[in-house]
Amino acid sequence: MPVNQTRSERIEARVTPDVLVTVKRAAELQGRSLSDFVVAAAEQAARKTIEEVQIVRLSAEDQIRFMDALLEPSEPSPAMARARDHHRRLVGES
């Protein structure tokens, strides 16, 4: 968390006694309070989840196919051409 931000929001969770023991032990091993450990772990998991969703990873073969499609696009299908024309009528040229 950036130094200049104050904590003003709460998160509550109910856990089993076994989970609490495990999380407390992990916090102790890192020399953190239970609250600091849980917040850091939740933030790390959240950032990882967001990254996994936002970053598209392609194999080398798929990267080549993607670049080929960008550099030499095929003609739009009739349905795509109709959709494009409909969009232009609704929104105008962009």
N, C-alpha and C. Protein backbone atom coordinates (compact mmCIF):
# COMPACT_ATOMS: atom_id res chain seq x y z
N MET A 1 0.85 -1.17 0.00
CA MET A 1 0.00 0.00 0.00
C MET A 1 0.89 1.23 0.00
N PRO A 2 0.59 2.26 -0.85
CA PRO A 2 1.39 3.47 -0.84
C PRO A 2 1.42 4.10 0.54
N VAL A 3 2.53 4.75 0.87
CA VAL A 3 2.75 5.30 2.20
C VAL A 3 1.71 6.36 2.57
N ASN A 4 1.26 7.16 1.60
CA ASN A 4 0.38 8.28 1.91
C ASN A 4 -1.09 7.90 2.01
N GLN A 5 -1.44 6.65 1.85
CA GLN A 5 -2.83 6.24 1.95
C GLN A 5 -3.12 5.72 3.35
N THR A 6 -4.28 6.15 3.88
CA THR A 6 -4.69 5.63 5.18
C THR A 6 -5.72 4.54 4.97
N ARG A 7 -5.80 3.66 5.90
CA ARG A 7 -6.77 2.56 5.83
C ARG A 7 -8.09 3.07 6.36
N SER A 8 -9.11 2.95 5.51
CA SER A 8 -10.41 3.43 5.94
C SER A 8 -11.53 2.43 5.65
N GLU A 9 -11.23 1.35 5.00
CA GLU A 9 -12.25 0.35 4.66
C GLU A 9 -11.97 -0.93 5.41
N ARG A 10 -13.03 -1.71 5.62
CA ARG A 10 -12.91 -2.98 6.34
C ARG A 10 -13.30 -4.12 5.43
N ILE A 11 -12.69 -5.25 5.67
CA ILE A 11 -13.07 -6.51 5.05
C ILE A 11 -13.28 -7.49 6.19
N GLU A 12 -14.38 -8.21 6.13
CA GLU A 12 -14.63 -9.22 7.17
C GLU A 12 -14.78 -10.57 6.51
N ALA A 13 -14.33 -11.60 7.20
CA ALA A 13 -14.46 -12.96 6.69
C ALA A 13 -14.60 -13.91 7.86
N ARG A 14 -15.40 -14.91 7.65
CA ARG A 14 -15.52 -15.98 8.64
C ARG A 14 -14.74 -17.17 8.11
N VAL A 15 -13.92 -17.75 8.96
CA VAL A 15 -13.09 -18.88 8.56
C VAL A 15 -13.20 -19.98 9.61
N THR A 16 -12.82 -21.17 9.19
CA THR A 16 -12.80 -22.27 10.15
C THR A 16 -11.62 -22.09 11.09
N PRO A 17 -11.67 -22.70 12.25
CA PRO A 17 -10.54 -22.61 13.18
C PRO A 17 -9.22 -23.09 12.55
N ASP A 18 -9.29 -24.14 11.73
CA ASP A 18 -8.07 -24.65 11.09
C ASP A 18 -7.46 -23.62 10.15
N VAL A 19 -8.30 -22.95 9.38
CA VAL A 19 -7.80 -21.92 8.46
C VAL A 19 -7.18 -20.78 9.25
N LEU A 20 -7.83 -20.37 10.32
CA LEU A 20 -7.30 -19.29 11.14
C LEU A 20 -5.93 -19.64 11.70
N VAL A 21 -5.77 -20.85 12.20
CA VAL A 21 -4.47 -21.28 12.73
C VAL A 21 -3.40 -21.21 11.64
N THR A 22 -3.74 -21.69 10.45
CA THR A 22 -2.78 -21.69 9.34
C THR A 22 -2.40 -20.27 8.94
N VAL A 23 -3.38 -19.40 8.81
CA VAL A 23 -3.11 -18.02 8.40
C VAL A 23 -2.32 -17.28 9.48
N LYS A 24 -2.67 -17.49 10.74
CA LYS A 24 -1.90 -16.86 11.82
C LYS A 24 -0.45 -17.32 11.81
N ARG A 25 -0.25 -18.60 11.60
CA ARG A 25 1.12 -19.15 11.56
C ARG A 25 1.91 -18.53 10.42
N ALA A 26 1.31 -18.43 9.26
CA ALA A 26 1.98 -17.83 8.11
C ALA A 26 2.32 -16.36 8.39
N ALA A 27 1.40 -15.64 9.01
CA ALA A 27 1.65 -14.24 9.35
C ALA A 27 2.83 -14.13 10.32
N GLU A 28 2.87 -15.00 11.31
CA GLU A 28 3.97 -15.02 12.27
C GLU A 28 5.31 -15.28 11.57
N LEU A 29 5.31 -16.24 10.65
CA LEU A 29 6.54 -16.57 9.94
C LEU A 29 7.07 -15.39 9.13
N GLN A 30 6.17 -14.53 8.66
CA GLN A 30 6.60 -13.35 7.91
C GLN A 30 6.78 -12.13 8.81
N GLY A 31 6.51 -12.28 10.09
CA GLY A 31 6.67 -11.16 11.02
C GLY A 31 5.64 -10.07 10.80
N ARG A 32 4.45 -10.46 10.38
CA ARG A 32 3.38 -9.50 10.11
C ARG A 32 2.22 -9.74 11.06
N SER A 33 1.41 -8.73 11.19
CA SER A 33 0.16 -8.93 11.92
C SER A 33 -0.76 -9.76 11.03
N LEU A 34 -1.75 -10.36 11.65
CA LEU A 34 -2.72 -11.15 10.90
C LEU A 34 -3.39 -10.28 9.84
N SER A 35 -3.77 -9.08 10.23
CA SER A 35 -4.44 -8.16 9.30
C SER A 35 -3.54 -7.81 8.12
N ASP A 36 -2.30 -7.45 8.39
CA ASP A 36 -1.37 -7.11 7.31
C ASP A 36 -1.15 -8.29 6.37
N PHE A 37 -1.02 -9.48 6.94
CA PHE A 37 -0.80 -10.66 6.13
C PHE A 37 -1.99 -10.93 5.21
N VAL A 38 -3.19 -10.87 5.77
CA VAL A 38 -4.40 -11.16 4.99
C VAL A 38 -4.57 -10.12 3.88
N VAL A 39 -4.36 -8.85 4.19
CA VAL A 39 -4.49 -7.80 3.18
C VAL A 39 -3.47 -7.99 2.07
N ALA A 40 -2.22 -8.26 2.43
CA ALA A 40 -1.18 -8.45 1.42
C ALA A 40 -1.47 -9.67 0.55
N ALA A 41 -1.91 -10.76 1.17
CA ALA A 41 -2.22 -11.97 0.40
C ALA A 41 -3.41 -11.74 -0.52
N ALA A 42 -4.42 -11.05 -0.04
CA ALA A 42 -5.60 -10.76 -0.86
C ALA A 42 -5.22 -9.85 -2.03
N GLU A 43 -4.41 -8.85 -1.76
CA GLU A 43 -4.00 -7.94 -2.84
C GLU A 43 -3.18 -8.68 -3.89
N GLN A 44 -2.25 -9.52 -3.45
CA GLN A 44 -1.44 -10.29 -4.38
C GLN A 44 -2.32 -11.20 -5.24
N ALA A 45 -3.26 -11.87 -4.64
CA ALA A 45 -4.17 -12.75 -5.38
C ALA A 45 -5.03 -11.95 -6.35
N ALA A 46 -5.47 -10.78 -5.93
CA ALA A 46 -6.29 -9.93 -6.80
C ALA A 46 -5.50 -9.46 -8.00
N ARG A 47 -4.28 -9.00 -7.78
CA ARG A 47 -3.44 -8.54 -8.90
C ARG A 47 -3.16 -9.69 -9.88
N LYS A 48 -2.89 -10.87 -9.37
CA LYS A 48 -2.63 -12.02 -10.22
C LYS A 48 -3.86 -12.37 -11.05
N THR A 49 -5.02 -12.35 -10.43
CA THR A 49 -6.27 -12.64 -11.14
C THR A 49 -6.51 -11.63 -12.25
N ILE A 50 -6.33 -10.36 -11.95
CA ILE A 50 -6.52 -9.31 -12.95
C ILE A 50 -5.54 -9.48 -14.09
N GLU A 51 -4.29 -9.76 -13.78
CA GLU A 51 -3.27 -9.95 -14.82
C GLU A 51 -3.62 -11.14 -15.71
N GLU A 52 -4.07 -12.23 -15.11
CA GLU A 52 -4.42 -13.42 -15.89
C GLU A 52 -5.56 -13.14 -16.86
N VAL A 53 -6.47 -12.27 -16.48
CA VAL A 53 -7.61 -11.96 -17.33
C VAL A 53 -7.25 -10.92 -18.40
N GLN A 54 -6.42 -9.95 -18.04
CA GLN A 54 -6.13 -8.84 -18.95
C GLN A 54 -5.01 -9.11 -19.93
N ILE A 55 -4.11 -9.99 -19.62
CA ILE A 55 -2.96 -10.25 -20.49
C ILE A 55 -3.26 -11.47 -21.34
N VAL A 56 -3.17 -11.29 -22.64
CA VAL A 56 -3.41 -12.39 -23.58
C VAL A 56 -2.05 -13.01 -23.91
N ARG A 57 -1.94 -14.28 -23.69
CA ARG A 57 -0.70 -14.98 -23.98
C ARG A 57 -0.94 -15.90 -25.18
N LEU A 58 -0.07 -15.78 -26.16
CA LEU A 58 -0.20 -16.58 -27.38
C LEU A 58 1.05 -17.42 -27.58
N SER A 59 0.85 -18.61 -28.15
CA SER A 59 2.00 -19.43 -28.52
C SER A 59 2.72 -18.72 -29.67
N ALA A 60 3.92 -19.16 -29.98
CA ALA A 60 4.67 -18.57 -31.09
C ALA A 60 3.89 -18.69 -32.40
N GLU A 61 3.29 -19.84 -32.61
CA GLU A 61 2.50 -20.06 -33.83
C GLU A 61 1.31 -19.11 -33.88
N ASP A 62 0.62 -18.94 -32.76
CA ASP A 62 -0.53 -18.05 -32.72
C ASP A 62 -0.12 -16.59 -32.88
N GLN A 63 1.06 -16.22 -32.38
CA GLN A 63 1.56 -14.86 -32.57
C GLN A 63 1.77 -14.57 -34.05
N ILE A 64 2.32 -15.52 -34.77
CA ILE A 64 2.54 -15.35 -36.21
C ILE A 64 1.21 -15.22 -36.93
N ARG A 65 0.25 -16.08 -36.61
CA ARG A 65 -1.07 -16.02 -37.25
C ARG A 65 -1.75 -14.68 -36.95
N PHE A 66 -1.60 -14.19 -35.73
CA PHE A 66 -2.21 -12.92 -35.35
C PHE A 66 -1.58 -11.78 -36.15
N MET A 67 -0.26 -11.76 -36.24
CA MET A 67 0.42 -10.71 -37.01
C MET A 67 0.06 -10.79 -38.48
N ASP A 68 -0.02 -11.98 -39.03
CA ASP A 68 -0.43 -12.14 -40.43
C ASP A 68 -1.83 -11.57 -40.65
N ALA A 69 -2.74 -11.82 -39.71
CA ALA A 69 -4.11 -11.30 -39.84
C ALA A 69 -4.13 -9.78 -39.76
N LEU A 70 -3.25 -9.20 -38.95
CA LEU A 70 -3.17 -7.74 -38.87
C LEU A 70 -2.55 -7.13 -40.12
N LEU A 71 -1.49 -7.77 -40.61
CA LEU A 71 -0.77 -7.23 -41.76
C LEU A 71 -1.49 -7.47 -43.08
N GLU A 72 -2.20 -8.58 -43.17
CA GLU A 72 -2.92 -8.93 -44.40
C GLU A 72 -4.32 -9.39 -44.05
N PRO A 73 -5.19 -8.44 -43.68
CA PRO A 73 -6.54 -8.84 -43.27
C PRO A 73 -7.34 -9.39 -44.45
N SER A 74 -8.19 -10.35 -44.16
CA SER A 74 -9.06 -10.91 -45.21
C SER A 74 -10.26 -9.99 -45.38
N GLU A 75 -10.97 -10.18 -46.47
CA GLU A 75 -12.18 -9.40 -46.72
C GLU A 75 -13.23 -9.78 -45.67
N PRO A 76 -14.02 -8.80 -45.22
CA PRO A 76 -15.05 -9.13 -44.24
C PRO A 76 -16.13 -10.02 -44.85
N SER A 77 -16.68 -10.88 -44.05
CA SER A 77 -17.78 -11.74 -44.49
C SER A 77 -18.99 -10.85 -44.77
N PRO A 78 -19.98 -11.34 -45.51
CA PRO A 78 -21.19 -10.54 -45.75
C PRO A 78 -21.85 -10.07 -44.45
N ALA A 79 -21.91 -10.94 -43.46
CA ALA A 79 -22.52 -10.56 -42.18
C ALA A 79 -21.72 -9.45 -41.51
N MET A 80 -20.40 -9.53 -41.58
CA MET A 80 -19.55 -8.51 -40.97
C MET A 80 -19.71 -7.18 -41.71
N ALA A 81 -19.81 -7.24 -43.04
CA ALA A 81 -19.99 -6.02 -43.83
C ALA A 81 -21.33 -5.36 -43.48
N ARG A 82 -22.38 -6.16 -43.31
CA ARG A 82 -23.68 -5.61 -42.92
C ARG A 82 -23.60 -4.97 -41.54
N ALA A 83 -22.92 -5.62 -40.63
CA ALA A 83 -22.76 -5.08 -39.28
C ALA A 83 -22.00 -3.76 -39.32
N ARG A 84 -20.94 -3.71 -40.12
CA ARG A 84 -20.16 -2.48 -40.26
C ARG A 84 -21.03 -1.36 -40.81
N ASP A 85 -21.79 -1.66 -41.85
CA ASP A 85 -22.65 -0.64 -42.47
C ASP A 85 -23.73 -0.17 -41.50
N HIS A 86 -24.30 -1.10 -40.74
CA HIS A 86 -25.30 -0.75 -39.74
C HIS A 86 -24.68 0.15 -38.67
N HIS A 87 -23.51 -0.19 -38.22
CA HIS A 87 -22.81 0.62 -37.21
C HIS A 87 -22.55 2.02 -37.75
N ARG A 88 -22.12 2.12 -38.98
CA ARG A 88 -21.84 3.44 -39.58
C ARG A 88 -23.11 4.28 -39.66
N ARG A 89 -24.24 3.65 -39.97
CA ARG A 89 -25.50 4.39 -40.01
C ARG A 89 -25.89 4.89 -38.62
N LEU A 90 -25.65 4.07 -37.61
CA LEU A 90 -26.02 4.46 -36.25
C LEU A 90 -25.06 5.49 -35.64
N VAL A 91 -23.78 5.27 -35.84
CA VAL A 91 -22.77 6.07 -35.14
C VAL A 91 -22.08 7.07 -36.06
N GLY A 92 -21.97 6.71 -37.32
CA GLY A 92 -21.24 7.56 -38.24
C GLY A 92 -19.83 7.03 -38.43
N GLU A 93 -19.10 7.62 -39.33
CA GLU A 93 -17.70 7.23 -39.57
C GLU A 93 -16.86 7.60 -38.39
N SER A 94 -15.87 6.79 -38.11
CA SER A 94 -14.97 7.11 -37.00
C SER A 94 -13.55 7.16 -37.47
